[in-house]
Amino acid sequence: MSGEIKLIARKAGDAGFIARGKSGHWSLMDAGKDIGAMSPFEMLFSSLAGCSGYDVMLVLRKKRVEFDDLWISIEADRAEEHPRVATRIHLHFTVVGDNVPPETVERAIALSQEKYCSVSAMISKAAPIETSFEIIDRDEARRRNPMDFFS
């Protein structure tokens, strides 16, 4: 196998791993909160958010849609028994900007999910992925803190 994607993960602490990809970049994973990093499952969904978000961003730019920010929040349900796979995944896109056309955002999300995002294509074979979006203006974005998602 030639391995277009290559990485190595090595134990770090009691319940963590440090991984390095062919790109030379590092990431930390922590199942036990030992080293203060995301769990492997959170890393998986971070990849989904990043992949789909990147696609949506590129489509909006290609369509010359001006926007200030893009937030992607994910909520997922997991099976009760091991292996605790995802059983339902919901991606919510928040586009920050004035005069952002909703139909363009909807189309960008659909293109990401149906055509471009390889992470979404893989994960959707295991669990259904639902999407939603909202468009908020700059004033509303200033009132919100995306990190309040965890409250």
N, C-alpha and C. Protein backbone atom coordinates (compact mmCIF):
# COMPACT_ATOMS: atom_id res chain seq x y z
N MET A 1 0.85 -1.18 0.00
CA MET A 1 0.00 0.00 0.00
C MET A 1 0.89 1.24 0.00
N SER A 2 0.63 2.15 -0.92
CA SER A 2 1.46 3.35 -1.01
C SER A 2 1.11 4.37 0.06
N GLY A 3 -0.12 4.42 0.47
CA GLY A 3 -0.53 5.28 1.57
C GLY A 3 -0.50 6.77 1.25
N GLU A 4 -1.54 7.25 0.58
CA GLU A 4 -1.65 8.68 0.32
C GLU A 4 -1.72 9.45 1.63
N ILE A 5 -2.42 8.88 2.60
CA ILE A 5 -2.51 9.46 3.93
C ILE A 5 -1.65 8.61 4.85
N LYS A 6 -0.74 9.25 5.53
CA LYS A 6 0.10 8.54 6.50
C LYS A 6 0.15 9.35 7.77
N LEU A 7 0.09 8.66 8.90
CA LEU A 7 0.33 9.31 10.18
C LEU A 7 0.78 8.29 11.19
N ILE A 8 1.32 8.79 12.26
CA ILE A 8 1.75 7.93 13.37
C ILE A 8 1.18 8.53 14.65
N ALA A 9 0.71 7.68 15.54
CA ALA A 9 0.23 8.12 16.84
C ALA A 9 1.02 7.39 17.91
N ARG A 10 1.42 8.13 18.92
CA ARG A 10 2.22 7.56 19.99
C ARG A 10 1.61 7.93 21.33
N LYS A 11 1.67 7.00 22.26
CA LYS A 11 1.13 7.19 23.61
C LYS A 11 1.75 8.43 24.25
N ALA A 12 0.89 9.21 24.92
CA ALA A 12 1.35 10.39 25.65
C ALA A 12 0.58 10.45 26.96
N GLY A 13 1.24 10.28 28.06
CA GLY A 13 0.55 10.25 29.34
C GLY A 13 -0.18 8.93 29.54
N ASP A 14 -1.11 8.92 30.49
CA ASP A 14 -1.82 7.69 30.80
C ASP A 14 -2.92 7.33 29.80
N ALA A 15 -3.57 8.33 29.22
CA ALA A 15 -4.70 8.04 28.34
C ALA A 15 -4.68 8.87 27.07
N GLY A 16 -3.55 9.44 26.75
CA GLY A 16 -3.49 10.31 25.59
C GLY A 16 -2.61 9.78 24.48
N PHE A 17 -2.72 10.41 23.34
CA PHE A 17 -1.88 10.11 22.19
C PHE A 17 -1.51 11.41 21.51
N ILE A 18 -0.33 11.42 20.94
CA ILE A 18 0.10 12.51 20.09
C ILE A 18 0.27 11.92 18.69
N ALA A 19 -0.27 12.60 17.71
CA ALA A 19 -0.22 12.09 16.34
C ALA A 19 0.46 13.11 15.44
N ARG A 20 1.16 12.59 14.46
CA ARG A 20 1.80 13.46 13.47
C ARG A 20 1.49 12.92 12.09
N GLY A 21 1.01 13.80 11.24
CA GLY A 21 0.68 13.41 9.88
C GLY A 21 1.83 13.65 8.93
N LYS A 22 1.65 13.15 7.72
CA LYS A 22 2.65 13.33 6.67
C LYS A 22 2.93 14.82 6.42
N SER A 23 1.94 15.65 6.76
CA SER A 23 2.09 17.10 6.60
C SER A 23 3.12 17.68 7.57
N GLY A 24 3.45 16.90 8.61
CA GLY A 24 4.37 17.38 9.62
C GLY A 24 3.69 18.05 10.80
N HIS A 25 2.37 18.17 10.75
CA HIS A 25 1.62 18.81 11.83
C HIS A 25 1.26 17.79 12.91
N TRP A 26 1.15 18.29 14.14
CA TRP A 26 0.88 17.45 15.31
C TRP A 26 -0.52 17.71 15.83
N SER A 27 -1.10 16.70 16.46
CA SER A 27 -2.34 16.89 17.21
C SER A 27 -2.30 16.00 18.44
N LEU A 28 -3.01 16.44 19.46
CA LEU A 28 -3.12 15.69 20.71
C LEU A 28 -4.52 15.13 20.84
N MET A 29 -4.61 13.93 21.39
CA MET A 29 -5.89 13.31 21.72
C MET A 29 -5.80 12.82 23.15
N ASP A 30 -6.91 12.88 23.86
CA ASP A 30 -6.88 12.50 25.26
C ASP A 30 -8.22 11.89 25.66
N ALA A 31 -8.24 10.61 25.88
CA ALA A 31 -9.48 9.94 26.29
C ALA A 31 -9.77 10.14 27.77
N GLY A 32 -8.75 10.43 28.56
CA GLY A 32 -8.95 10.54 30.00
C GLY A 32 -8.77 11.94 30.55
N LYS A 33 -8.66 12.95 29.72
CA LYS A 33 -8.48 14.34 30.13
C LYS A 33 -7.13 14.56 30.82
N ASP A 34 -6.24 13.62 30.61
CA ASP A 34 -4.91 13.64 31.22
C ASP A 34 -4.06 14.81 30.74
N ILE A 35 -4.02 14.99 29.43
CA ILE A 35 -3.15 16.02 28.86
C ILE A 35 -3.94 17.21 28.33
N GLY A 36 -5.24 17.21 28.56
CA GLY A 36 -6.05 18.37 28.20
C GLY A 36 -6.31 18.55 26.72
N ALA A 37 -6.55 17.47 26.02
CA ALA A 37 -6.83 17.55 24.58
C ALA A 37 -8.20 16.95 24.29
N MET A 38 -8.64 17.09 23.06
CA MET A 38 -9.91 16.50 22.65
C MET A 38 -9.83 14.99 22.66
N SER A 39 -11.00 14.36 22.84
CA SER A 39 -11.07 12.91 22.73
C SER A 39 -10.99 12.52 21.25
N PRO A 40 -10.67 11.27 20.95
CA PRO A 40 -10.65 10.85 19.55
C PRO A 40 -11.99 11.09 18.84
N PHE A 41 -13.10 10.89 19.55
CA PHE A 41 -14.42 11.12 18.95
C PHE A 41 -14.61 12.60 18.63
N GLU A 42 -14.19 13.48 19.55
CA GLU A 42 -14.26 14.91 19.28
C GLU A 42 -13.38 15.30 18.10
N MET A 43 -12.22 14.67 17.98
CA MET A 43 -11.33 14.94 16.85
C MET A 43 -12.01 14.55 15.53
N LEU A 44 -12.71 13.43 15.54
CA LEU A 44 -13.43 12.98 14.35
C LEU A 44 -14.44 14.04 13.91
N PHE A 45 -15.21 14.54 14.86
CA PHE A 45 -16.22 15.54 14.53
C PHE A 45 -15.62 16.90 14.24
N SER A 46 -14.46 17.20 14.81
CA SER A 46 -13.74 18.42 14.43
C SER A 46 -13.34 18.35 12.97
N SER A 47 -12.94 17.16 12.54
CA SER A 47 -12.59 16.96 11.13
C SER A 47 -13.80 17.16 10.23
N LEU A 48 -14.95 16.68 10.67
CA LEU A 48 -16.18 16.87 9.91
C LEU A 48 -16.52 18.35 9.81
N ALA A 49 -16.46 19.07 10.93
CA ALA A 49 -16.77 20.50 10.92
C ALA A 49 -15.79 21.27 10.04
N GLY A 50 -14.51 20.94 10.15
CA GLY A 50 -13.51 21.63 9.35
C GLY A 50 -13.65 21.36 7.87
N CYS A 51 -13.87 20.11 7.52
CA CYS A 51 -14.01 19.72 6.11
C CYS A 51 -15.23 20.39 5.48
N SER A 52 -16.37 20.25 6.12
CA SER A 52 -17.59 20.82 5.58
C SER A 52 -17.55 22.35 5.62
N GLY A 53 -17.03 22.90 6.70
CA GLY A 53 -16.92 24.35 6.81
C GLY A 53 -16.04 24.94 5.72
N TYR A 54 -14.95 24.26 5.44
CA TYR A 54 -14.04 24.72 4.38
C TYR A 54 -14.75 24.74 3.03
N ASP A 55 -15.50 23.67 2.74
CA ASP A 55 -16.25 23.61 1.49
C ASP A 55 -17.26 24.75 1.39
N VAL A 56 -18.03 24.94 2.45
CA VAL A 56 -19.05 25.99 2.45
C VAL A 56 -18.40 27.36 2.25
N MET A 57 -17.31 27.59 2.95
CA MET A 57 -16.59 28.86 2.82
C MET A 57 -16.15 29.09 1.37
N LEU A 58 -15.57 28.06 0.75
CA LEU A 58 -15.10 28.20 -0.63
C LEU A 58 -16.24 28.46 -1.61
N VAL A 59 -17.36 27.76 -1.43
CA VAL A 59 -18.50 27.96 -2.33
C VAL A 59 -19.04 29.38 -2.16
N LEU A 60 -19.17 29.85 -0.93
CA LEU A 60 -19.66 31.22 -0.71
C LEU A 60 -18.72 32.24 -1.35
N ARG A 61 -17.43 32.03 -1.19
CA ARG A 61 -16.47 32.95 -1.81
C ARG A 61 -16.56 32.91 -3.34
N LYS A 62 -16.69 31.70 -3.89
CA LYS A 62 -16.79 31.55 -5.34
C LYS A 62 -18.03 32.28 -5.87
N LYS A 63 -19.10 32.26 -5.08
CA LYS A 63 -20.34 32.94 -5.47
C LYS A 63 -20.30 34.43 -5.10
N ARG A 64 -19.15 34.88 -4.61
CA ARG A 64 -18.93 36.29 -4.24
C ARG A 64 -19.87 36.77 -3.13
N VAL A 65 -20.17 35.87 -2.23
CA VAL A 65 -20.99 36.23 -1.07
C VAL A 65 -20.05 36.79 0.00
N GLU A 66 -20.33 38.00 0.44
CA GLU A 66 -19.53 38.60 1.50
C GLU A 66 -20.09 38.16 2.85
N PHE A 67 -19.21 37.61 3.68
CA PHE A 67 -19.60 37.21 5.04
C PHE A 67 -18.40 37.44 5.95
N ASP A 68 -18.69 37.61 7.24
CA ASP A 68 -17.64 37.93 8.20
C ASP A 68 -17.11 36.72 8.94
N ASP A 69 -17.97 35.73 9.14
CA ASP A 69 -17.55 34.57 9.93
C ASP A 69 -18.45 33.39 9.60
N LEU A 70 -17.98 32.23 9.99
CA LEU A 70 -18.73 30.99 9.79
C LEU A 70 -18.47 30.09 10.98
N TRP A 71 -19.53 29.71 11.66
CA TRP A 71 -19.42 28.81 12.82
C TRP A 71 -20.12 27.51 12.45
N ILE A 72 -19.54 26.40 12.82
CA ILE A 72 -20.18 25.10 12.62
C ILE A 72 -20.26 24.41 13.97
N SER A 73 -21.46 24.14 14.42
CA SER A 73 -21.63 23.40 15.68
C SER A 73 -22.16 22.01 15.34
N ILE A 74 -21.73 21.05 16.12
CA ILE A 74 -22.14 19.66 15.88
C ILE A 74 -22.68 19.07 17.18
N GLU A 75 -23.80 18.40 17.06
CA GLU A 75 -24.33 17.59 18.15
C GLU A 75 -24.55 16.20 17.58
N ALA A 76 -24.21 15.20 18.38
CA ALA A 76 -24.36 13.82 17.92
C ALA A 76 -24.85 12.94 19.06
N ASP A 77 -25.63 11.94 18.70
CA ASP A 77 -26.05 10.91 19.65
C ASP A 77 -25.17 9.70 19.43
N ARG A 78 -24.95 8.96 20.52
CA ARG A 78 -24.12 7.75 20.45
C ARG A 78 -24.89 6.55 20.97
N ALA A 79 -24.51 5.39 20.47
CA ALA A 79 -25.10 4.14 20.95
C ALA A 79 -24.74 3.95 22.42
N GLU A 80 -25.61 3.30 23.15
CA GLU A 80 -25.38 3.04 24.58
C GLU A 80 -24.32 1.97 24.80
N GLU A 81 -24.29 0.98 23.91
CA GLU A 81 -23.37 -0.15 24.05
C GLU A 81 -22.12 0.05 23.20
N HIS A 82 -21.05 -0.60 23.62
CA HIS A 82 -19.80 -0.54 22.86
C HIS A 82 -19.88 -1.41 21.61
N PRO A 83 -19.34 -1.00 20.50
CA PRO A 83 -18.65 0.27 20.32
C PRO A 83 -19.68 1.40 20.23
N ARG A 84 -19.44 2.49 20.94
CA ARG A 84 -20.42 3.58 21.06
C ARG A 84 -20.36 4.49 19.83
N VAL A 85 -20.80 3.93 18.71
CA VAL A 85 -20.78 4.66 17.44
C VAL A 85 -21.81 5.79 17.46
N ALA A 86 -21.62 6.74 16.58
CA ALA A 86 -22.61 7.80 16.42
C ALA A 86 -23.86 7.21 15.76
N THR A 87 -25.01 7.61 16.25
CA THR A 87 -26.27 7.14 15.67
C THR A 87 -27.02 8.25 14.96
N ARG A 88 -26.68 9.49 15.25
CA ARG A 88 -27.29 10.66 14.61
C ARG A 88 -26.33 11.82 14.76
N ILE A 89 -26.16 12.58 13.69
CA ILE A 89 -25.24 13.72 13.70
C ILE A 89 -25.97 14.92 13.12
N HIS A 90 -25.83 16.05 13.79
CA HIS A 90 -26.45 17.28 13.31
C HIS A 90 -25.40 18.38 13.22
N LEU A 91 -25.23 18.92 12.02
CA LEU A 91 -24.35 20.06 11.79
C LEU A 91 -25.20 21.31 11.66
N HIS A 92 -24.85 22.34 12.42
CA HIS A 92 -25.55 23.62 12.31
C HIS A 92 -24.54 24.69 11.90
N PHE A 93 -24.81 25.34 10.79
CA PHE A 93 -23.94 26.37 10.26
C PHE A 93 -24.51 27.74 10.62
N THR A 94 -23.69 28.60 11.17
CA THR A 94 -24.07 29.98 11.43
C THR A 94 -23.19 30.86 10.56
N VAL A 95 -23.81 31.56 9.64
CA VAL A 95 -23.08 32.47 8.76
C VAL A 95 -23.31 33.89 9.27
N VAL A 96 -22.23 34.60 9.51
CA VAL A 96 -22.31 35.96 10.01
C VAL A 96 -22.07 36.92 8.85
N GLY A 97 -23.03 37.79 8.61
CA GLY A 97 -22.87 38.78 7.56
C GLY A 97 -24.18 39.47 7.26
N ASP A 98 -24.07 40.58 6.59
CA ASP A 98 -25.26 41.33 6.18
C ASP A 98 -25.57 40.98 4.73
N ASN A 99 -26.83 40.79 4.43
CA ASN A 99 -27.29 40.52 3.06
C ASN A 99 -26.73 39.22 2.48
N VAL A 100 -26.63 38.19 3.30
CA VAL A 100 -26.18 36.88 2.82
C VAL A 100 -27.40 36.14 2.28
N PRO A 101 -27.38 35.72 1.00
CA PRO A 101 -28.55 35.05 0.44
C PRO A 101 -28.72 33.62 0.98
N PRO A 102 -29.85 33.34 1.62
CA PRO A 102 -30.07 32.01 2.21
C PRO A 102 -29.96 30.87 1.20
N GLU A 103 -30.45 31.09 -0.02
CA GLU A 103 -30.41 30.01 -1.01
C GLU A 103 -28.97 29.64 -1.38
N THR A 104 -28.06 30.60 -1.32
CA THR A 104 -26.66 30.30 -1.62
C THR A 104 -26.02 29.51 -0.49
N VAL A 105 -26.37 29.85 0.75
CA VAL A 105 -25.86 29.09 1.90
C VAL A 105 -26.39 27.66 1.84
N GLU A 106 -27.68 27.52 1.58
CA GLU A 106 -28.29 26.19 1.49
C GLU A 106 -27.61 25.34 0.41
N ARG A 107 -27.34 25.94 -0.73
CA ARG A 107 -26.69 25.23 -1.84
C ARG A 107 -25.25 24.87 -1.49
N ALA A 108 -24.54 25.77 -0.82
CA ALA A 108 -23.15 25.51 -0.41
C ALA A 108 -23.09 24.32 0.55
N ILE A 109 -24.02 24.26 1.49
CA ILE A 109 -24.06 23.15 2.44
C ILE A 109 -24.37 21.85 1.70
N ALA A 110 -25.34 21.89 0.80
CA ALA A 110 -25.69 20.69 0.03
C ALA A 110 -24.51 20.19 -0.79
N LEU A 111 -23.80 21.09 -1.45
CA LEU A 111 -22.63 20.69 -2.24
C LEU A 111 -21.56 20.05 -1.36
N SER A 112 -21.36 20.62 -0.19
CA SER A 112 -20.38 20.05 0.72
C SER A 112 -20.77 18.63 1.12
N GLN A 113 -22.02 18.45 1.52
CA GLN A 113 -22.47 17.15 2.01
C GLN A 113 -22.59 16.11 0.91
N GLU A 114 -22.99 16.53 -0.27
CA GLU A 114 -23.27 15.58 -1.35
C GLU A 114 -22.12 15.35 -2.31
N LYS A 115 -21.16 16.29 -2.36
CA LYS A 115 -20.14 16.19 -3.40
C LYS A 115 -18.71 16.32 -2.90
N TYR A 116 -18.42 17.29 -2.05
CA TYR A 116 -17.03 17.64 -1.78
C TYR A 116 -16.42 17.09 -0.50
N CYS A 117 -17.15 17.04 0.59
CA CYS A 117 -16.54 16.71 1.89
C CYS A 117 -16.34 15.20 2.04
N SER A 118 -15.11 14.76 1.91
CA SER A 118 -14.80 13.32 2.02
C SER A 118 -15.05 12.80 3.43
N VAL A 119 -14.85 13.64 4.43
CA VAL A 119 -15.10 13.21 5.81
C VAL A 119 -16.59 12.94 6.00
N SER A 120 -17.42 13.83 5.50
CA SER A 120 -18.87 13.65 5.58
C SER A 120 -19.30 12.39 4.82
N ALA A 121 -18.72 12.17 3.66
CA ALA A 121 -19.07 10.98 2.86
C ALA A 121 -18.77 9.71 3.63
N MET A 122 -17.64 9.67 4.33
CA MET A 122 -17.29 8.48 5.11
C MET A 122 -18.20 8.31 6.32
N ILE A 123 -18.37 9.38 7.09
CA ILE A 123 -19.15 9.29 8.32
C ILE A 123 -20.61 8.99 8.03
N SER A 124 -21.15 9.54 6.94
CA SER A 124 -22.57 9.34 6.63
C SER A 124 -22.90 7.89 6.30
N LYS A 125 -21.90 7.09 6.03
CA LYS A 125 -22.13 5.65 5.81
C LYS A 125 -22.41 4.93 7.13
N ALA A 126 -22.05 5.56 8.24
CA ALA A 126 -22.26 4.97 9.55
C ALA A 126 -23.46 5.56 10.29
N ALA A 127 -23.75 6.84 10.05
CA ALA A 127 -24.84 7.51 10.76
C ALA A 127 -25.40 8.63 9.89
N PRO A 128 -26.70 8.87 9.98
CA PRO A 128 -27.27 9.95 9.19
C PRO A 128 -26.77 11.32 9.67
N ILE A 129 -26.51 12.19 8.71
CA ILE A 129 -26.07 13.55 9.01
C ILE A 129 -27.18 14.51 8.60
N GLU A 130 -27.64 15.30 9.55
CA GLU A 130 -28.64 16.33 9.29
C GLU A 130 -27.93 17.67 9.30
N THR A 131 -28.45 18.63 8.55
CA THR A 131 -27.86 19.97 8.54
C THR A 131 -28.94 21.02 8.73
N SER A 132 -28.52 22.14 9.26
CA SER A 132 -29.37 23.32 9.35
C SER A 132 -28.45 24.54 9.29
N PHE A 133 -29.05 25.69 9.09
CA PHE A 133 -28.23 26.90 9.09
C PHE A 133 -29.05 28.10 9.52
N GLU A 134 -28.33 29.13 9.90
CA GLU A 134 -28.93 30.42 10.19
C GLU A 134 -27.95 31.48 9.70
N ILE A 135 -28.50 32.62 9.38
CA ILE A 135 -27.70 33.77 8.99
C ILE A 135 -27.96 34.85 10.01
N ILE A 136 -26.90 35.37 10.60
CA ILE A 136 -27.06 36.44 11.58
C ILE A 136 -26.22 37.64 11.14
N ASP A 137 -26.68 38.81 11.55
CA ASP A 137 -25.93 40.01 11.17
C ASP A 137 -24.80 40.27 12.17
N ARG A 138 -23.99 41.25 11.87
CA ARG A 138 -22.82 41.54 12.69
C ARG A 138 -23.20 41.90 14.13
N ASP A 139 -24.30 42.65 14.28
CA ASP A 139 -24.72 43.04 15.64
C ASP A 139 -25.07 41.81 16.47
N GLU A 140 -25.81 40.88 15.88
CA GLU A 140 -26.17 39.66 16.59
C GLU A 140 -24.93 38.84 16.91
N ALA A 141 -23.99 38.79 16.00
CA ALA A 141 -22.74 38.04 16.23
C ALA A 141 -21.97 38.62 17.40
N ARG A 142 -21.99 39.94 17.54
CA ARG A 142 -21.29 40.56 18.68
C ARG A 142 -21.95 40.20 20.01
N ARG A 143 -23.27 40.01 19.98
CA ARG A 143 -23.99 39.65 21.21
C ARG A 143 -23.77 38.19 21.60
N ARG A 144 -23.46 37.38 20.62
CA ARG A 144 -23.28 35.95 20.87
C ARG A 144 -21.81 35.61 21.06
N ASN A 145 -21.59 34.55 21.77
CA ASN A 145 -20.25 33.98 21.87
C ASN A 145 -20.38 32.53 21.41
N PRO A 146 -19.70 32.14 20.32
CA PRO A 146 -19.85 30.77 19.85
C PRO A 146 -19.53 29.73 20.92
N MET A 147 -18.72 30.08 21.88
CA MET A 147 -18.36 29.12 22.92
C MET A 147 -19.50 28.91 23.92
N ASP A 148 -20.55 29.77 23.86
CA ASP A 148 -21.73 29.55 24.70
C ASP A 148 -22.47 28.29 24.30
N PHE A 149 -22.11 27.72 23.16
CA PHE A 149 -22.70 26.47 22.68
C PHE A 149 -22.63 25.39 23.75
N PHE A 150 -21.62 25.44 24.60
CA PHE A 150 -21.41 24.40 25.60
C PHE A 150 -22.22 24.63 26.87
N SER A 151 -22.91 25.75 26.96
CA SER A 151 -23.69 26.06 28.17
C SER A 151 -24.99 25.29 28.19
